[in-house]
Amino acid sequence: MKYKLKQKQNQRITRIKESTLVVGADIAKKVHVARAVDFRGIELGKDCTFHNNASGLMKLATWMKELKQVHAKTEIVFGIEPTGHYWFP
């Protein structure tokens, strides 16, 4: 089982290229924070804080699309760590 998880993780990592915007979000009860980096781990832009509701998720989507355009990226890889039930939306 552990081998399959590692293999799946490695497959995801190989998808990240120079043209990829990598976004990770820290999930909390009310306000979440997202950060974006390039394929080397260099931070791109400022953090995005957003609420756990429809307008907050729209703010996140707009922020990612703007960074993608500004930094000439062609795809976005988005990841979160599921924290309790707060990540469901």
Protein backbone atom coordinates (compact mmCIF):
# COMPACT_ATOMS: atom_id res chain seq x y z
CA MET A 1 0.00 0.00 0.00
CA LYS A 2 2.77 2.43 0.93
CA TYR A 3 4.51 1.75 -2.40
CA LYS A 4 1.34 2.58 -4.37
CA LEU A 5 0.94 5.88 -2.52
CA LYS A 6 4.55 6.80 -3.22
CA GLN A 7 4.16 5.82 -6.88
CA LYS A 8 1.04 7.99 -7.21
CA GLN A 9 2.84 10.92 -5.56
CA ASN A 10 5.77 10.53 -7.97
CA GLN A 11 3.36 10.54 -10.94
CA ARG A 12 1.91 13.83 -9.73
CA ILE A 13 5.36 15.35 -9.32
CA THR A 14 6.31 14.46 -12.90
CA ARG A 15 3.33 16.53 -14.10
CA ILE A 16 4.98 19.69 -12.77
CA LYS A 17 6.90 21.48 -15.49
CA GLU A 18 8.32 24.94 -16.06
CA SER A 19 4.89 25.98 -17.38
CA THR A 20 3.08 24.85 -14.21
CA LEU A 21 1.77 27.14 -11.48
CA VAL A 22 1.81 25.15 -8.23
CA VAL A 23 -0.69 26.34 -5.61
CA GLY A 24 -1.07 25.01 -2.10
CA ALA A 25 -3.68 26.09 0.43
CA ASP A 26 -3.63 25.90 4.20
CA ILE A 27 -7.18 25.06 5.23
CA ALA A 28 -8.64 26.43 8.46
CA LYS A 29 -12.06 26.88 10.03
CA LYS A 30 -12.93 30.30 8.56
CA VAL A 31 -10.06 31.80 6.57
CA HIS A 32 -7.73 29.84 4.31
CA VAL A 33 -4.37 30.95 2.89
CA ALA A 34 -2.98 29.93 -0.50
CA ARG A 35 0.53 30.39 -1.88
CA ALA A 36 1.83 29.89 -5.39
CA VAL A 37 5.26 28.75 -6.54
CA ASP A 38 6.92 27.81 -9.80
CA PHE A 39 8.40 24.41 -10.62
CA ARG A 40 11.55 25.26 -8.64
CA GLY A 41 9.63 26.33 -5.53
CA ILE A 42 10.16 30.06 -6.04
CA GLU A 43 7.19 31.98 -4.65
CA LEU A 44 5.12 33.86 -7.20
CA GLY A 45 3.02 36.80 -6.04
CA LYS A 46 1.56 37.45 -2.63
CA ASP A 47 -0.47 35.05 -0.52
CA CYS A 48 -4.20 34.81 -1.11
CA THR A 49 -6.45 34.72 1.94
CA PHE A 50 -9.99 33.56 1.25
CA HIS A 51 -13.09 32.55 3.18
CA ASN A 52 -14.77 29.18 3.20
CA ASN A 53 -17.74 30.23 1.04
CA ALA A 54 -18.62 30.74 -2.62
CA SER A 55 -17.20 34.26 -2.87
CA GLY A 56 -14.00 33.13 -1.14
CA LEU A 57 -13.55 30.28 -3.61
CA MET A 58 -14.18 32.70 -6.50
CA LYS A 59 -11.49 34.99 -5.06
CA LEU A 60 -9.07 32.04 -5.01
CA ALA A 61 -9.91 31.05 -8.60
CA THR A 62 -9.46 34.63 -9.84
CA TRP A 63 -6.14 34.96 -7.99
CA MET A 64 -4.84 31.72 -9.54
CA LYS A 65 -5.94 32.74 -13.06
CA GLU A 66 -4.26 36.15 -12.71
CA LEU A 67 -0.98 34.60 -11.51
CA LYS A 68 -1.15 32.06 -14.32
CA GLN A 69 -1.44 34.85 -16.87
CA VAL A 70 1.14 37.20 -15.28
CA HIS A 71 3.76 34.45 -15.09
CA ALA A 72 2.90 32.88 -18.48
CA LYS A 73 1.93 29.50 -17.04
CA THR A 74 -0.25 27.10 -19.01
CA GLU A 75 -1.56 24.91 -16.20
CA ILE A 76 -2.26 24.95 -12.48
CA VAL A 77 -1.69 22.17 -9.97
CA PHE A 78 -3.67 22.85 -6.79
CA GLY A 79 -3.22 20.97 -3.54
CA ILE A 80 -4.64 21.08 -0.05
CA GLU A 81 -4.24 19.05 3.07
CA PRO A 82 -7.70 17.94 4.17
CA THR A 83 -8.25 19.35 7.64
CA GLY A 84 -11.32 18.01 9.39
CA HIS A 85 -14.40 18.82 7.35
CA TYR A 86 -13.34 22.37 6.41
CA TRP A 87 -11.89 21.33 3.05
CA PHE A 88 -15.17 19.93 1.67
CA PRO A 89 -16.28 23.13 -0.17
